[in-house]
C-alpha cells in the first residue's frame, strides 16, 4: 500500500492506494487499484474516525472481491480462452476518489469505479 498526500482546504486527507496484479499459470489475469480517503487533520474527531473506518472497510471489501470472485471469473475466462485459442484477457478493477468540496464539516466526494471483464456467453 502506498500513500498519496492531497491537501484540502479545511480537513486534510491522505489517499491510500491498494494495488496488485494477480497471476494464474504465470500470467497476469487480474489487476486492481483501489484508492480510498483518510482524514488526517480535522476538528471533527468522531466524524473523521467514522469516515475513515467506513472508507477503509469499503476498500477492503473491494480488495476481497478482486482476490475472490473477480479472480475466479478471470481464471475461468483464462481457461476458456486458452482452450479455444483466444487472447488472454486481463480483468481490471479501478476505484478513484476525488474531493470536490471541503469546508468545515462538509465534504463532498465522488468515487469513480471501473471494471473490465469478459464474457464468453
Protein backbone atom coordinates (compact mmCIF):
# COMPACT_ATOMS: atom_id res chain seq x y z
CA UNK A 1 0.00 0.00 0.00
CA UNK A 2 1.28 3.45 -0.85
CA UNK A 3 0.09 6.85 0.32
CA UNK A 4 -0.61 9.88 -1.82
CA UNK A 5 -0.81 13.16 0.11
CA UNK A 6 -3.52 15.51 -1.17
CA UNK A 7 -4.04 18.61 0.96
CA UNK A 8 -7.51 20.17 1.01
CA UNK A 9 -8.84 23.48 2.40
CA UNK A 10 -10.14 22.58 5.87
CA UNK A 11 -9.86 18.87 6.51
CA UNK A 12 -6.60 17.34 5.38
CA UNK A 13 -6.56 13.99 3.61
CA UNK A 14 -4.28 11.13 2.71
CA UNK A 15 -5.38 8.93 -0.13
CA UNK A 16 -4.33 5.29 0.20
CA UNK A 17 -3.95 3.11 -2.85
CA UNK A 18 -4.12 -0.67 -2.62
CA UNK A 19 -2.95 -2.25 -5.86
CA UNK A 20 -1.87 -5.65 -7.03
CA UNK A 21 -1.54 -7.95 -10.01
CA UNK A 22 -2.86 -11.49 -9.61
CA UNK A 23 -1.39 -14.37 -11.62
CA UNK A 24 -2.58 -17.72 -12.91
CA UNK A 25 -0.19 -20.12 -14.67
CA UNK A 26 2.47 -17.41 -14.61
CA UNK A 27 0.33 -14.83 -16.43
CA UNK A 28 -1.42 -11.73 -15.06
CA UNK A 29 -5.17 -12.23 -15.18
CA UNK A 30 -6.34 -9.56 -12.68
CA UNK A 31 -5.10 -6.06 -11.89
CA UNK A 32 -6.67 -3.89 -9.23
CA UNK A 33 -6.07 -0.41 -7.90
CA UNK A 34 -8.31 0.82 -5.09
CA UNK A 35 -7.98 4.35 -3.77
CA UNK A 36 -9.65 5.43 -0.55
CA UNK A 37 -9.51 8.61 1.54
CA UNK A 38 -8.44 9.09 5.12
CA UNK A 39 -8.97 12.33 7.03
CA UNK A 40 -5.70 13.07 8.84
CA UNK A 41 -6.47 16.55 10.24
CA UNK A 42 -9.94 17.67 11.29
CA UNK A 43 -11.63 19.44 14.17
CA UNK A 44 -14.40 16.80 13.99
CA UNK A 45 -12.66 13.79 15.55
CA UNK A 46 -15.67 11.48 15.95
CA UNK A 47 -16.91 12.13 12.43
CA UNK A 48 -13.48 11.67 10.91
CA UNK A 49 -12.97 8.33 12.70
CA UNK A 50 -16.31 7.03 11.38
CA UNK A 51 -15.48 8.38 7.90
CA UNK A 52 -12.06 6.68 7.93
CA UNK A 53 -13.38 3.34 9.18
CA UNK A 54 -16.17 3.32 6.61
CA UNK A 55 -13.93 4.13 3.62
CA UNK A 56 -11.26 1.63 4.67
CA UNK A 57 -13.94 -1.08 5.05
CA UNK A 58 -15.29 -0.40 1.55
CA UNK A 59 -11.76 -0.63 0.12
CA UNK A 60 -11.13 -3.92 1.94
CA UNK A 61 -14.41 -5.35 0.62
CA UNK A 62 -13.40 -4.43 -2.93
CA UNK A 63 -9.98 -6.00 -2.39
CA UNK A 64 -11.62 -9.22 -1.14
CA UNK A 65 -13.91 -9.23 -4.18
CA UNK A 66 -10.94 -8.71 -6.54
CA UNK A 67 -8.98 -11.55 -4.94
CA UNK A 68 -12.03 -13.82 -4.65
CA UNK A 69 -14.96 -13.85 -7.08
CA UNK A 70 -13.35 -11.50 -9.62
CA UNK A 71 -10.21 -13.66 -9.73
CA UNK A 72 -12.34 -16.80 -10.07
CA UNK A 73 -14.17 -15.29 -13.07
CA UNK A 74 -10.87 -14.23 -14.65
CA UNK A 75 -9.46 -17.74 -14.18
CA UNK A 76 -12.46 -19.31 -15.92
CA UNK A 77 -12.10 -16.85 -18.81
CA UNK A 78 -8.37 -17.62 -18.97
CA UNK A 79 -9.06 -21.36 -19.23
CA UNK A 80 -11.75 -20.88 -21.87
CA UNK A 81 -9.55 -18.56 -23.95
CA UNK A 82 -6.54 -20.91 -23.73
CA UNK A 83 -8.64 -23.92 -24.79
CA UNK A 84 -10.11 -22.02 -27.75
CA UNK A 85 -7.01 -20.18 -28.95
CA UNK A 86 -8.23 -16.72 -27.90
CA UNK A 87 -6.00 -14.00 -26.44
CA UNK A 88 -5.68 -13.72 -22.67
CA UNK A 89 -7.92 -11.01 -21.20
CA UNK A 90 -6.73 -9.18 -18.09
CA UNK A 91 -9.59 -8.31 -15.76
CA UNK A 92 -9.25 -4.88 -14.14
CA UNK A 93 -10.84 -3.15 -11.17
CA UNK A 94 -10.02 0.52 -10.58
CA UNK A 95 -11.51 2.84 -7.98
CA UNK A 96 -10.52 6.50 -7.73
CA UNK A 97 -11.63 9.16 -5.28
CA UNK A 98 -11.85 12.93 -5.64
CA UNK A 99 -12.77 15.62 -3.13
CA UNK A 100 -14.98 18.23 -4.82
CA UNK A 101 -15.94 20.28 -1.75
CA UNK A 102 -14.27 20.59 1.65
CA UNK A 103 -15.29 23.25 4.12
CA UNK A 104 -15.66 22.80 7.89
CA UNK A 105 -17.80 19.72 8.50
CA UNK A 106 -18.97 19.40 4.88
CA UNK A 107 -17.15 17.12 2.50
CA UNK A 108 -18.31 16.20 -0.97
CA UNK A 109 -16.55 13.40 -2.81
CA UNK A 110 -17.12 11.25 -5.81
CA UNK A 111 -15.80 7.80 -6.44
CA UNK A 112 -15.15 6.54 -9.94
CA UNK A 113 -15.21 2.77 -10.18
CA UNK A 114 -14.29 0.88 -13.34
CA UNK A 115 -14.23 -2.85 -14.02
CA UNK A 116 -13.23 -4.69 -17.16
CA UNK A 117 -14.45 -8.24 -17.60
CA UNK A 118 -15.01 -10.58 -20.49
CA UNK A 119 -17.91 -12.91 -21.07
CA UNK A 120 -17.87 -15.99 -23.25
CA UNK A 121 -21.67 -16.06 -23.41
